[in-house]
Amino acid sequence: MLTMINRGLEAFEEAAALDMPRNQRLNAVCPPMAKETAEKMGWSPGGVPVAEIAKYYLQSVDSGLNGALFGPAHSN
């Protein structure tokens, strides 16, 4: 179920990016569970360190792409 919801949000982002006004971009970051959050929830071990997740946000801003998805399941 969660995968269907995620894919629905990703598809919305990709479609909405097509209608962005000139010089504006729309990208999405699809991070995995943060390790620090998993630990606080008692779900450790698991997750990815927040410092690694932050790299996806930087890629989104620095890439110059529009309609792109960033995260471990998406390659750009």
Protein backbone atom coordinates (compact mmCIF):
# COMPACT_ATOMS: atom_id res chain seq x y z
CA MET A 1 0.00 0.00 0.00
CA LEU A 2 2.74 2.47 0.96
CA THR A 3 4.53 1.80 -2.32
CA MET A 4 1.37 2.68 -4.27
CA ILE A 5 0.99 5.92 -2.30
CA ASN A 6 4.64 6.82 -2.85
CA ARG A 7 4.41 6.11 -6.56
CA GLY A 8 1.26 8.24 -6.77
CA LEU A 9 3.07 11.19 -5.19
CA GLU A 10 6.06 10.67 -7.48
CA ALA A 11 3.82 10.59 -10.56
CA PHE A 12 2.09 13.79 -9.43
CA GLU A 13 5.46 15.52 -9.03
CA GLU A 14 6.61 14.42 -12.48
CA ALA A 15 3.38 15.62 -14.12
CA ALA A 16 3.23 18.91 -12.17
CA ALA A 17 6.81 19.70 -13.19
CA LEU A 18 5.68 19.85 -16.81
CA ASP A 19 3.47 22.85 -16.02
CA MET A 20 6.00 24.86 -14.01
CA PRO A 21 6.40 28.49 -15.11
CA ARG A 22 9.61 29.48 -16.88
CA ASN A 23 12.76 29.37 -14.71
CA GLN A 24 11.04 27.38 -11.95
CA ARG A 25 11.70 23.75 -11.18
CA LEU A 26 9.94 21.03 -9.22
CA ASN A 27 11.79 17.97 -7.96
CA ALA A 28 11.06 15.41 -5.26
CA VAL A 29 13.34 13.77 -2.72
CA CYS A 30 12.33 10.21 -1.82
CA PRO A 31 14.48 9.37 1.19
CA PRO A 32 14.61 6.05 3.01
CA MET A 33 14.01 5.82 6.76
CA ALA A 34 16.56 7.92 8.66
CA LYS A 35 18.78 5.82 10.91
CA GLU A 36 18.41 8.31 13.75
CA THR A 37 14.61 8.16 13.53
CA ALA A 38 14.61 4.36 13.42
CA GLU A 39 16.77 4.26 16.54
CA LYS A 40 14.51 6.68 18.45
CA MET A 41 11.48 4.61 17.47
CA GLY A 42 13.19 1.44 18.70
CA TRP A 43 13.40 -0.01 15.19
CA SER A 44 17.17 -0.23 15.02
CA PRO A 45 19.23 -1.41 13.37
CA GLY A 46 18.15 0.06 10.11
CA GLY A 47 17.82 3.20 8.11
CA VAL A 48 20.28 5.53 6.45
CA PRO A 49 22.22 8.26 8.28
CA VAL A 50 20.69 11.72 7.97
CA ALA A 51 23.96 13.07 6.53
CA GLU A 52 23.56 10.71 3.57
CA ILE A 53 19.90 11.65 3.08
CA ALA A 54 20.88 15.34 3.05
CA LYS A 55 22.93 14.64 -0.10
CA TYR A 56 19.72 13.89 -2.02
CA TYR A 57 18.35 17.32 -1.13
CA LEU A 58 21.57 18.98 -2.26
CA GLN A 59 21.46 17.04 -5.53
CA SER A 60 17.90 18.22 -6.10
CA VAL A 61 18.85 21.87 -5.68
CA ASP A 62 22.19 21.72 -7.52
CA SER A 63 21.16 19.50 -10.43
CA GLY A 64 19.33 22.03 -12.58
CA LEU A 65 16.85 19.25 -13.43
CA ASN A 66 13.07 19.63 -13.46
CA GLY A 67 10.67 16.79 -12.71
CA ALA A 68 13.41 14.59 -11.24
CA LEU A 69 13.18 12.17 -8.33
CA PHE A 70 16.14 11.87 -5.96
CA GLY A 71 16.81 9.00 -3.59
CA PRO A 72 18.39 5.56 -3.47
CA ALA A 73 15.68 4.04 -5.67
CA HIS A 74 16.05 6.79 -8.30
CA SER A 75 19.20 7.44 -10.30
CA ASN A 76 19.97 10.86 -11.78
